[in-house]
């Protein structure tokens, strides 16, 4: 089943709204997918697209500095947070 670009955009907006609500905390892909009741791989694709556009940043190291092998944490980029804050 194919999801339209309009619906992908709406889901991406939901992702950004969720990340804004928990800012500055970074969360794993699975937590975002659970919050939005979406498939983890689908959410990961949308997050990668948002990263390319500069809306989110990925964190692939834990607080001790060790690189994650299979996981990525996500947070709202500083520019996106500023823009979101002005629109609120």
Protein backbone atom coordinates (compact mmCIF):
# COMPACT_ATOMS: atom_id res chain seq x y z
CA UNK A 1 0.00 0.00 0.00
CA UNK A 2 1.36 3.40 -1.01
CA UNK A 3 0.98 6.43 1.22
CA UNK A 4 0.46 9.74 -0.55
CA UNK A 5 2.96 12.57 -0.23
CA UNK A 6 0.32 14.68 1.49
CA UNK A 7 -0.13 12.04 4.21
CA UNK A 8 3.64 11.59 4.58
CA UNK A 9 3.93 15.33 5.09
CA UNK A 10 1.23 15.27 7.78
CA UNK A 11 2.97 12.42 9.59
CA UNK A 12 6.28 14.29 9.33
CA UNK A 13 4.59 17.29 10.94
CA UNK A 14 3.39 15.04 13.76
CA UNK A 15 6.97 13.82 14.26
CA UNK A 16 8.23 17.41 14.44
CA UNK A 17 5.48 18.37 16.87
CA UNK A 18 6.35 15.42 19.11
CA UNK A 19 10.06 16.24 19.05
CA UNK A 20 9.25 19.88 19.84
CA UNK A 21 7.14 18.84 22.83
CA UNK A 22 9.99 16.83 24.38
CA UNK A 23 12.85 19.14 23.36
CA UNK A 24 15.81 19.08 24.26
CA UNK A 25 15.55 15.36 24.99
CA UNK A 26 16.57 12.97 22.20
CA UNK A 27 14.58 9.78 21.65
CA UNK A 28 15.06 6.58 19.69
CA UNK A 29 13.19 5.84 16.48
CA UNK A 30 11.13 3.13 18.18
CA UNK A 31 9.85 5.60 20.79
CA UNK A 32 8.71 8.03 18.10
CA UNK A 33 7.03 5.19 16.19
CA UNK A 34 5.20 4.03 19.31
CA UNK A 35 4.06 7.55 20.13
CA UNK A 36 2.59 8.00 16.64
CA UNK A 37 1.37 4.39 16.31
CA UNK A 38 3.34 3.91 13.09
CA UNK A 39 5.73 1.32 11.70
CA UNK A 40 9.31 1.85 12.87
CA UNK A 41 10.87 1.52 9.39
CA UNK A 42 8.39 3.99 7.92
CA UNK A 43 9.12 6.51 10.69
CA UNK A 44 12.86 5.99 10.15
CA UNK A 45 12.49 6.86 6.45
CA UNK A 46 10.59 10.02 7.31
CA UNK A 47 13.22 10.98 9.91
CA UNK A 48 16.01 10.53 7.38
CA UNK A 49 14.11 12.79 4.96
CA UNK A 50 13.64 15.37 7.72
CA UNK A 51 17.36 15.16 8.51
CA UNK A 52 18.23 15.86 4.86
CA UNK A 53 16.01 18.94 5.01
CA UNK A 54 17.68 20.08 8.25
CA UNK A 55 14.69 19.74 10.58
CA UNK A 56 16.09 17.01 12.84
CA UNK A 57 19.53 15.87 13.92
CA UNK A 58 20.59 12.34 14.63
CA UNK A 59 22.65 11.30 17.61
CA UNK A 60 24.49 8.04 17.18
CA UNK A 61 26.55 8.04 20.37
CA UNK A 62 25.45 7.35 23.91
CA UNK A 63 26.21 9.79 26.76
CA UNK A 64 29.49 7.94 27.45
CA UNK A 65 30.67 8.49 23.87
CA UNK A 66 30.23 4.95 22.60
CA UNK A 67 28.80 4.73 19.09
CA UNK A 68 25.48 2.93 18.71
CA UNK A 69 25.67 0.01 16.31
CA UNK A 70 22.00 -0.36 15.38
CA UNK A 71 20.17 2.53 17.00
CA UNK A 72 19.78 6.25 16.40
CA UNK A 73 18.39 8.91 18.69
CA UNK A 74 16.67 11.93 17.16
CA UNK A 75 16.06 15.49 18.29
CA UNK A 76 14.78 18.68 16.74
CA UNK A 77 17.53 20.79 15.16
CA UNK A 78 18.24 24.18 16.68
CA UNK A 79 17.03 26.02 13.58
CA UNK A 80 13.79 24.04 13.46
CA UNK A 81 13.22 24.61 17.19
CA UNK A 82 13.65 28.38 16.74
CA UNK A 83 11.26 28.46 13.79
CA UNK A 84 8.72 26.30 15.63
CA UNK A 85 8.95 28.47 18.73
CA UNK A 86 8.27 31.63 16.72
CA UNK A 87 5.19 30.09 15.12
CA UNK A 88 3.68 29.06 18.47
